[in-house]
Structure formats: structure tokens, C-alpha cells
Amino acid sequence: MEQKTDFIKIVRHLLESQTQMELAEKTGVHQGVISELNRGIEKPKLSYIYGIALERAYNQSISDKTGA
């Protein structure tokens, strides 16, 4: 079974500490895409590049919080 990444959860987590515009600038993901994910709209055709950028920002955020 294919594992599905929860980009809605990732975006909501990242937006706890920054604005949509800041996240867009940091990741290169269009602010409109971030807004839709934050509102719970699934993006089944999210580009690979956007997905990787969001996952990297999320992983960095987690490691910053844990001090790893």
C-alpha cells in the first residue's frame, strides 16, 4: 500500500510559526496552494517539487523544536 503524505497537516503545523507569505517565500510553494491546504482542500496533484519543499520545511521545523 502506498503511503500518503498529509500535506494539510504539514502546512498547518508550519503556519503555527509563520504566515502563509513567509512559508511561500521559504519553500517556493505558491501562497494560493498553501492557503488551500490550510483550508483542508486536498491537492492530489501537488507537484513533486512543492511536496519535497514542504516536507523539508516540516522536517527542519521538527528538528528545530527538538534541538536535533
N, C-alpha and C. Protein backbone atom coordinates (compact mmCIF):
# COMPACT_ATOMS: atom_id res chain seq x y z
N MET A 1 0.84 -1.19 0.00
CA MET A 1 0.00 0.00 0.00
C MET A 1 0.89 1.25 0.00
N GLU A 2 0.50 2.21 -0.80
CA GLU A 2 1.26 3.45 -0.93
C GLU A 2 1.00 4.36 0.27
N GLN A 3 2.08 4.88 0.86
CA GLN A 3 1.95 5.79 1.99
C GLN A 3 1.67 7.20 1.47
N LYS A 4 0.66 7.84 2.02
CA LYS A 4 0.26 9.17 1.58
C LYS A 4 0.73 10.21 2.60
N THR A 5 1.41 11.23 2.12
CA THR A 5 1.86 12.31 2.98
C THR A 5 0.71 13.27 3.24
N ASP A 6 0.52 13.65 4.48
CA ASP A 6 -0.57 14.55 4.86
C ASP A 6 -0.08 16.00 4.77
N PHE A 7 -0.17 16.57 3.57
CA PHE A 7 0.32 17.94 3.37
C PHE A 7 -0.54 18.96 4.10
N ILE A 8 -1.79 18.65 4.35
CA ILE A 8 -2.64 19.57 5.13
C ILE A 8 -2.07 19.70 6.53
N LYS A 9 -1.73 18.58 7.15
CA LYS A 9 -1.15 18.59 8.49
C LYS A 9 0.19 19.33 8.49
N ILE A 10 1.00 19.07 7.48
CA ILE A 10 2.31 19.71 7.39
C ILE A 10 2.16 21.23 7.30
N VAL A 11 1.28 21.69 6.41
CA VAL A 11 1.09 23.14 6.23
C VAL A 11 0.54 23.77 7.50
N ARG A 12 -0.42 23.14 8.12
CA ARG A 12 -0.98 23.71 9.36
C ARG A 12 0.06 23.79 10.46
N HIS A 13 0.91 22.79 10.55
CA HIS A 13 2.00 22.82 11.53
C HIS A 13 2.94 23.99 11.24
N LEU A 14 3.34 24.13 9.99
CA LEU A 14 4.27 25.19 9.62
C LEU A 14 3.67 26.58 9.83
N LEU A 15 2.36 26.70 9.66
CA LEU A 15 1.72 28.01 9.81
C LEU A 15 1.53 28.41 11.27
N GLU A 16 1.86 27.52 12.20
CA GLU A 16 1.80 27.88 13.62
C GLU A 16 2.87 28.92 13.96
N SER A 17 3.94 28.97 13.16
CA SER A 17 5.05 29.86 13.49
C SER A 17 5.40 30.86 12.40
N GLN A 18 4.58 30.92 11.34
CA GLN A 18 4.86 31.87 10.25
C GLN A 18 3.59 32.12 9.44
N THR A 19 3.63 33.17 8.66
CA THR A 19 2.49 33.49 7.82
C THR A 19 2.54 32.67 6.53
N GLN A 20 1.44 32.68 5.81
CA GLN A 20 1.40 31.99 4.51
C GLN A 20 2.44 32.58 3.56
N MET A 21 2.58 33.87 3.56
CA MET A 21 3.55 34.52 2.67
C MET A 21 4.98 34.14 3.04
N GLU A 22 5.27 34.09 4.34
CA GLU A 22 6.61 33.69 4.77
C GLU A 22 6.91 32.25 4.35
N LEU A 23 5.91 31.37 4.53
CA LEU A 23 6.09 29.98 4.13
C LEU A 23 6.27 29.86 2.62
N ALA A 24 5.51 30.65 1.88
CA ALA A 24 5.64 30.64 0.42
C ALA A 24 7.03 31.07 -0.01
N GLU A 25 7.55 32.12 0.62
CA GLU A 25 8.89 32.60 0.29
C GLU A 25 9.95 31.58 0.67
N LYS A 26 9.78 30.94 1.80
CA LYS A 26 10.75 29.96 2.30
C LYS A 26 10.79 28.71 1.43
N THR A 27 9.63 28.25 0.97
CA THR A 27 9.55 26.96 0.27
C THR A 27 9.44 27.08 -1.25
N GLY A 28 9.01 28.23 -1.74
CA GLY A 28 8.76 28.38 -3.16
C GLY A 28 7.40 27.86 -3.59
N VAL A 29 6.60 27.43 -2.61
CA VAL A 29 5.25 26.95 -2.89
C VAL A 29 4.33 28.17 -2.99
N HIS A 30 3.53 28.23 -4.03
CA HIS A 30 2.63 29.36 -4.24
C HIS A 30 1.72 29.55 -3.03
N GLN A 31 1.53 30.79 -2.64
CA GLN A 31 0.72 31.12 -1.46
C GLN A 31 -0.70 30.59 -1.61
N GLY A 32 -1.24 30.58 -2.81
CA GLY A 32 -2.59 30.07 -3.03
C GLY A 32 -2.70 28.58 -2.72
N VAL A 33 -1.66 27.83 -3.04
CA VAL A 33 -1.63 26.40 -2.73
C VAL A 33 -1.57 26.21 -1.21
N ILE A 34 -0.75 27.00 -0.55
CA ILE A 34 -0.65 26.93 0.92
C ILE A 34 -2.00 27.26 1.54
N SER A 35 -2.67 28.28 1.04
CA SER A 35 -3.97 28.67 1.54
C SER A 35 -5.00 27.55 1.39
N GLU A 36 -5.02 26.92 0.23
CA GLU A 36 -5.97 25.83 0.01
C GLU A 36 -5.69 24.65 0.93
N LEU A 37 -4.43 24.28 1.10
CA LEU A 37 -4.10 23.20 2.01
C LEU A 37 -4.49 23.56 3.44
N ASN A 38 -4.25 24.78 3.83
CA ASN A 38 -4.61 25.23 5.18
C ASN A 38 -6.12 25.16 5.41
N ARG A 39 -6.88 25.36 4.35
CA ARG A 39 -8.35 25.27 4.46
C ARG A 39 -8.86 23.84 4.36
N GLY A 40 -7.94 22.88 4.21
CA GLY A 40 -8.33 21.49 4.18
C GLY A 40 -8.64 20.95 2.80
N ILE A 41 -8.28 21.69 1.77
CA ILE A 41 -8.54 21.25 0.40
C ILE A 41 -7.40 20.34 -0.04
N GLU A 42 -7.72 19.10 -0.34
CA GLU A 42 -6.72 18.13 -0.81
C GLU A 42 -6.15 18.59 -2.15
N LYS A 43 -4.88 18.33 -2.33
CA LYS A 43 -4.21 18.66 -3.59
C LYS A 43 -3.58 17.37 -4.13
N PRO A 44 -4.39 16.50 -4.73
CA PRO A 44 -3.86 15.21 -5.17
C PRO A 44 -2.79 15.32 -6.26
N LYS A 45 -2.74 16.43 -6.94
CA LYS A 45 -1.73 16.60 -7.99
C LYS A 45 -0.67 17.62 -7.61
N LEU A 46 -0.42 17.73 -6.30
CA LEU A 46 0.62 18.62 -5.81
C LEU A 46 1.94 18.20 -6.46
N SER A 47 2.67 19.16 -6.98
CA SER A 47 3.90 18.82 -7.70
C SER A 47 4.93 18.21 -6.75
N TYR A 48 5.78 17.41 -7.32
CA TYR A 48 6.85 16.76 -6.57
C TYR A 48 7.73 17.81 -5.89
N ILE A 49 8.05 18.87 -6.60
CA ILE A 49 8.93 19.92 -6.07
C ILE A 49 8.27 20.61 -4.87
N TYR A 50 6.98 20.92 -4.98
CA TYR A 50 6.27 21.53 -3.86
C TYR A 50 6.23 20.57 -2.67
N GLY A 51 5.95 19.31 -2.95
CA GLY A 51 5.88 18.32 -1.88
C GLY A 51 7.19 18.18 -1.13
N ILE A 52 8.28 18.10 -1.87
CA ILE A 52 9.60 17.99 -1.25
C ILE A 52 9.91 19.24 -0.43
N ALA A 53 9.60 20.42 -0.96
CA ALA A 53 9.87 21.67 -0.25
C ALA A 53 9.10 21.74 1.06
N LEU A 54 7.83 21.32 1.05
CA LEU A 54 7.04 21.32 2.28
C LEU A 54 7.55 20.30 3.28
N GLU A 55 7.91 19.12 2.80
CA GLU A 55 8.44 18.10 3.71
C GLU A 55 9.76 18.55 4.33
N ARG A 56 10.63 19.18 3.56
CA ARG A 56 11.90 19.67 4.10
C ARG A 56 11.67 20.74 5.16
N ALA A 57 10.76 21.67 4.89
CA ALA A 57 10.47 22.72 5.86
C ALA A 57 9.89 22.11 7.13
N TYR A 58 9.03 21.12 6.97
CA TYR A 58 8.42 20.44 8.13
C TYR A 58 9.50 19.72 8.94
N ASN A 59 10.35 18.96 8.28
CA ASN A 59 11.41 18.24 8.99
C ASN A 59 12.36 19.19 9.70
N GLN A 60 12.67 20.32 9.06
CA GLN A 60 13.52 21.33 9.70
C GLN A 60 12.83 21.90 10.93
N SER A 61 11.54 22.16 10.82
CA SER A 61 10.78 22.69 11.95
C SER A 61 10.78 21.73 13.13
N ILE A 62 10.61 20.45 12.83
CA ILE A 62 10.61 19.43 13.89
C ILE A 62 11.99 19.35 14.54
N SER A 63 13.04 19.34 13.74
CA SER A 63 14.38 19.25 14.32
C SER A 63 14.74 20.51 15.11
N ASP A 64 14.24 21.67 14.68
CA ASP A 64 14.47 22.91 15.44
C ASP A 64 13.80 22.84 16.81
N LYS A 65 12.60 22.26 16.86
CA LYS A 65 11.86 22.17 18.13
C LYS A 65 12.48 21.15 19.08
N THR A 66 13.05 20.09 18.53
CA THR A 66 13.63 19.05 19.38
C THR A 66 15.10 19.31 19.66
N GLY A 67 15.68 20.27 18.96
CA GLY A 67 17.09 20.59 19.17
C GLY A 67 18.03 19.59 18.53
N ALA A 68 17.51 18.79 17.62
CA ALA A 68 18.36 17.77 16.96
C ALA A 68 19.16 18.36 15.84
